[in-house]
Amino acid sequence: DHPHAAPAGEHPGAHAQGTPAGWHGLYVGGGGHYSNASVEEGGSCYDYDECWWGDYYDYDRGDGDYGYSVHVGLRFNDFVALEAGYVDTGTIRWEENLVYFPDDDLRDYYNNRVDFSAEITQLSLLGILPAGERFEFYLRLGAGFWDAASEQRLEQSFGPDERTRRVTDSGTGLLGGVGFGVTFADALHVRLEYQATTIDE
């Protein structure tokens, strides 16, 4: 996604790994995913570095991109696993007009054109519900340790000013997901998951 995820990051994906039903222990896997960003819009500029012109707590979704993920996990029993992973969101494109920037060197409204990307290291706990010998549902909850970069092209909404800049940041966000898995062979398990990670400012 997740994006993945952000802006907040979001990314469903399919993963192949060695976790057939009833098998416990160490497993590894990876896959591809589609990520986009859901950006919070707010009408107040007092507490934010950048303020989105619109109804407070509305969310605006940009154009997504494809990326990849890898993970390693330890399955303790049929119902619980601990998993660490890495997600590359690809380049998520997002556009919004009339964005107010309170920065000292801007202090005006700009049409914002953004190429956003994030790398997210994940640590999460999986609660698993087996459904027969081959199928299972699971719920993911954990933390995403993200490094994000935003390539911005700013066009002054009511003037001739135009500039580009690169903004980078890192932090820790909440990670959540729901998924479905099916076992095809003794060492092949395929998952489809919807996952979200929060990315501040």
Protein backbone atom coordinates (compact mmCIF):
# COMPACT_ATOMS: atom_id res chain seq x y z
CA ASP A 1 0.00 0.00 0.00
CA HIS A 2 0.12 1.10 2.58
CA PRO A 3 1.49 3.68 0.84
CA HIS A 4 1.56 2.22 0.82
CA ALA A 5 -0.11 3.44 3.00
CA ALA A 6 -0.67 7.41 3.72
CA PRO A 7 -0.22 10.81 3.47
CA ALA A 8 -1.48 7.55 4.75
CA GLY A 9 -0.48 4.59 2.96
CA GLU A 10 -3.08 1.59 1.58
CA HIS A 11 -1.87 -1.76 -0.35
CA PRO A 12 -3.63 -5.09 -1.05
CA GLY A 13 -1.34 -7.84 -2.36
CA ALA A 14 -0.79 -11.54 -3.02
CA HIS A 15 2.01 -13.36 -1.18
CA ALA A 16 3.56 -16.81 -1.55
CA GLN A 17 5.07 -18.37 1.55
CA GLY A 18 5.78 -21.69 3.26
CA THR A 19 2.86 -21.89 5.73
CA PRO A 20 0.56 -24.79 4.82
CA ALA A 21 -2.39 -25.34 7.15
CA GLY A 22 -1.40 -26.94 10.45
CA TRP A 23 2.31 -26.19 9.93
CA HIS A 24 4.17 -24.24 12.63
CA GLY A 25 7.59 -22.64 12.61
CA LEU A 26 9.61 -20.26 10.47
CA TYR A 27 8.45 -19.12 7.02
CA VAL A 28 9.53 -16.60 4.37
CA GLY A 29 7.74 -15.05 1.43
CA GLY A 30 7.15 -12.07 -0.82
CA GLY A 31 4.82 -10.62 -3.38
CA GLY A 32 3.54 -7.64 -5.29
CA HIS A 33 1.01 -5.05 -4.28
CA TYR A 34 -0.85 -1.93 -5.38
CA SER A 35 -0.53 1.14 -3.14
CA ASN A 36 -2.12 4.55 -3.00
CA ALA A 37 -2.25 7.44 -0.56
CA SER A 38 -5.34 8.79 1.17
CA VAL A 39 -4.46 12.37 2.15
CA GLU A 40 -6.24 14.13 5.00
CA GLU A 41 -7.77 17.48 4.02
CA GLY A 42 -8.33 20.14 6.67
CA GLY A 43 -9.64 23.70 6.74
CA SER A 44 -7.43 24.77 9.66
CA CYS A 45 -3.76 25.71 9.34
CA TYR A 46 -2.78 26.28 12.95
CA ASP A 47 -1.29 22.90 13.81
CA TYR A 48 -0.04 21.58 10.46
CA ASP A 49 2.97 22.26 8.27
CA GLU A 50 0.76 21.93 5.22
CA CYS A 51 -3.01 22.45 5.20
CA TRP A 52 -5.40 20.93 2.69
CA TRP A 53 -8.20 23.24 1.58
CA GLY A 54 -11.48 21.40 2.17
CA ASP A 55 -13.74 19.99 4.85
CA TYR A 56 -11.88 19.04 8.02
CA TYR A 57 -11.04 15.31 8.21
CA ASP A 58 -12.04 14.65 4.62
CA TYR A 59 -9.71 12.36 2.69
CA ASP A 60 -8.55 12.64 -0.90
CA ARG A 61 -7.08 9.65 -2.74
CA GLY A 62 -4.37 9.91 -5.37
CA ASP A 63 -3.21 7.71 -8.24
CA GLY A 64 -1.54 4.51 -7.05
CA ASP A 65 1.43 2.46 -8.21
CA TYR A 66 2.72 -1.10 -8.02
CA GLY A 67 5.47 -2.16 -5.63
CA TYR A 68 6.81 -5.22 -3.85
CA SER A 69 7.15 -6.68 -0.36
CA VAL A 70 9.12 -9.39 1.43
CA HIS A 71 8.52 -10.89 4.84
CA VAL A 72 9.67 -13.49 7.37
CA GLY A 73 7.48 -14.91 10.10
CA LEU A 74 7.24 -17.32 12.98
CA ARG A 75 3.98 -19.22 13.33
CA PHE A 76 3.51 -20.38 16.93
CA ASN A 77 0.35 -22.44 16.39
CA ASP A 78 -2.75 -22.58 14.19
CA PHE A 79 -3.97 -19.20 15.43
CA VAL A 80 -1.01 -16.85 16.05
CA ALA A 81 2.05 -15.72 14.06
CA LEU A 82 4.64 -12.96 14.45
CA GLU A 83 5.82 -11.36 11.21
CA ALA A 84 8.44 -8.83 10.07
CA GLY A 85 8.32 -7.37 6.57
CA TYR A 86 9.50 -4.69 4.17
CA VAL A 87 7.29 -2.80 1.71
CA ASP A 88 8.30 -0.53 -1.17
CA THR A 89 5.22 1.45 -2.29
CA GLY A 90 6.45 2.51 -5.71
CA THR A 91 5.69 6.11 -6.79
CA ILE A 92 2.23 7.36 -5.82
CA ARG A 93 1.03 10.44 -7.70
CA TRP A 94 -1.27 12.96 -6.08
CA GLU A 95 -2.61 16.34 -7.20
CA GLU A 96 -4.57 19.00 -5.31
CA ASN A 97 -5.33 22.64 -6.12
CA LEU A 98 -5.60 25.50 -3.60
CA VAL A 99 -3.29 23.99 -0.99
CA TYR A 100 -2.21 26.58 1.60
CA PHE A 101 1.45 26.42 2.67
CA PRO A 102 2.17 28.41 5.86
CA ASP A 103 5.95 28.03 5.45
CA ASP A 104 7.82 31.33 5.84
CA ASP A 105 9.11 31.20 2.26
CA LEU A 106 5.68 30.42 0.77
CA ARG A 107 2.65 31.64 2.78
CA ASP A 108 0.24 31.34 -0.12
CA TYR A 109 -2.04 28.95 -2.01
CA TYR A 110 -0.39 26.60 -4.48
CA ASN A 111 -1.54 23.89 -6.86
CA ASN A 112 0.35 20.87 -5.55
CA ARG A 113 1.68 18.12 -7.86
CA VAL A 114 3.30 15.34 -5.87
CA ASP A 115 5.26 12.14 -6.56
CA PHE A 116 5.24 10.31 -3.22
CA SER A 117 7.11 7.14 -2.26
CA ALA A 118 7.71 5.28 0.98
CA GLU A 119 9.72 2.35 2.30
CA ILE A 120 8.09 0.69 5.31
CA THR A 121 9.62 -1.84 7.70
CA GLN A 122 6.82 -3.70 9.44
CA LEU A 123 6.46 -5.67 12.65
CA SER A 124 3.05 -7.20 13.26
CA LEU A 125 1.09 -9.91 15.02
CA LEU A 126 -1.33 -12.09 13.03
CA GLY A 127 -4.48 -13.57 14.50
CA ILE A 128 -5.45 -16.52 12.27
CA LEU A 129 -8.79 -18.28 11.87
CA PRO A 130 -8.45 -21.62 9.99
CA ALA A 131 -11.35 -22.62 7.74
CA GLY A 132 -10.92 -26.28 6.84
CA GLU A 133 -7.58 -27.80 5.87
CA ARG A 134 -6.65 -25.35 3.10
CA PHE A 135 -8.19 -21.97 3.89
CA GLU A 136 -7.71 -19.37 6.58
CA PHE A 137 -8.63 -15.78 7.42
CA TYR A 138 -6.37 -13.49 9.38
CA LEU A 139 -6.20 -10.10 11.07
CA ARG A 140 -2.94 -8.10 11.24
CA LEU A 141 -2.02 -5.48 13.85
CA GLY A 142 1.35 -3.85 14.40
CA ALA A 143 3.64 -0.94 13.60
CA GLY A 144 5.13 0.44 10.37
CA PHE A 145 8.52 2.18 10.53
CA TRP A 146 8.49 4.39 7.42
CA ASP A 147 10.87 6.53 5.40
CA ALA A 148 9.02 8.74 2.92
CA ALA A 149 9.94 11.20 0.17
CA SER A 150 7.71 13.72 -1.58
CA GLU A 151 8.79 15.34 -4.85
CA GLN A 152 6.58 18.44 -5.10
CA ARG A 153 5.90 20.82 -7.97
CA LEU A 154 4.15 23.91 -6.63
CA GLU A 155 2.30 26.28 -8.96
CA GLN A 156 1.00 29.44 -7.29
CA SER A 157 -2.80 29.35 -7.49
CA PHE A 158 -3.23 33.12 -7.97
CA GLY A 159 0.16 34.20 -9.24
CA PRO A 160 3.13 33.37 -11.47
CA ASP A 161 5.37 31.69 -8.86
CA GLU A 162 6.38 28.11 -9.63
CA ARG A 163 8.89 26.01 -7.75
CA THR A 164 9.91 22.43 -7.02
CA ARG A 165 11.12 20.93 -3.78
CA ARG A 166 11.84 17.59 -2.14
CA VAL A 167 10.48 16.82 1.32
CA THR A 168 11.69 13.77 3.27
CA ASP A 169 10.63 12.44 6.66
CA SER A 170 10.52 9.27 8.73
CA GLY A 171 8.47 7.99 11.62
CA THR A 172 6.36 5.20 13.06
CA GLY A 173 2.72 4.56 12.25
CA LEU A 174 -0.03 2.13 13.08
CA LEU A 175 -0.35 -0.91 10.82
CA GLY A 176 -3.50 -2.93 10.27
CA GLY A 177 -4.77 -5.43 7.75
CA VAL A 178 -7.23 -8.17 6.94
CA GLY A 179 -6.52 -11.10 4.64
CA PHE A 180 -7.43 -14.47 3.22
CA GLY A 181 -5.06 -17.36 2.54
CA VAL A 182 -5.20 -20.69 0.72
CA THR A 183 -2.69 -23.56 0.71
CA PHE A 184 -1.95 -25.14 -2.69
CA ALA A 185 0.92 -27.49 -1.82
CA ASP A 186 3.00 -28.66 1.15
CA ALA A 187 5.11 -25.51 1.09
CA LEU A 188 3.03 -23.00 -0.92
CA HIS A 189 0.48 -20.71 0.69
CA VAL A 190 -0.97 -17.71 -1.20
CA ARG A 191 -2.48 -14.68 0.53
CA LEU A 192 -4.61 -11.74 -0.57
CA GLU A 193 -4.57 -8.84 1.88
CA TYR A 194 -5.82 -5.30 2.33
CA GLN A 195 -3.44 -3.31 4.52
CA ALA A 196 -3.09 0.29 5.73
CA THR A 197 -0.29 2.21 7.45
CA THR A 198 -0.56 5.72 8.89
CA ILE A 199 2.07 8.27 7.79
CA ASP A 200 2.01 11.63 9.61
CA GLU A 201 2.19 14.97 7.71
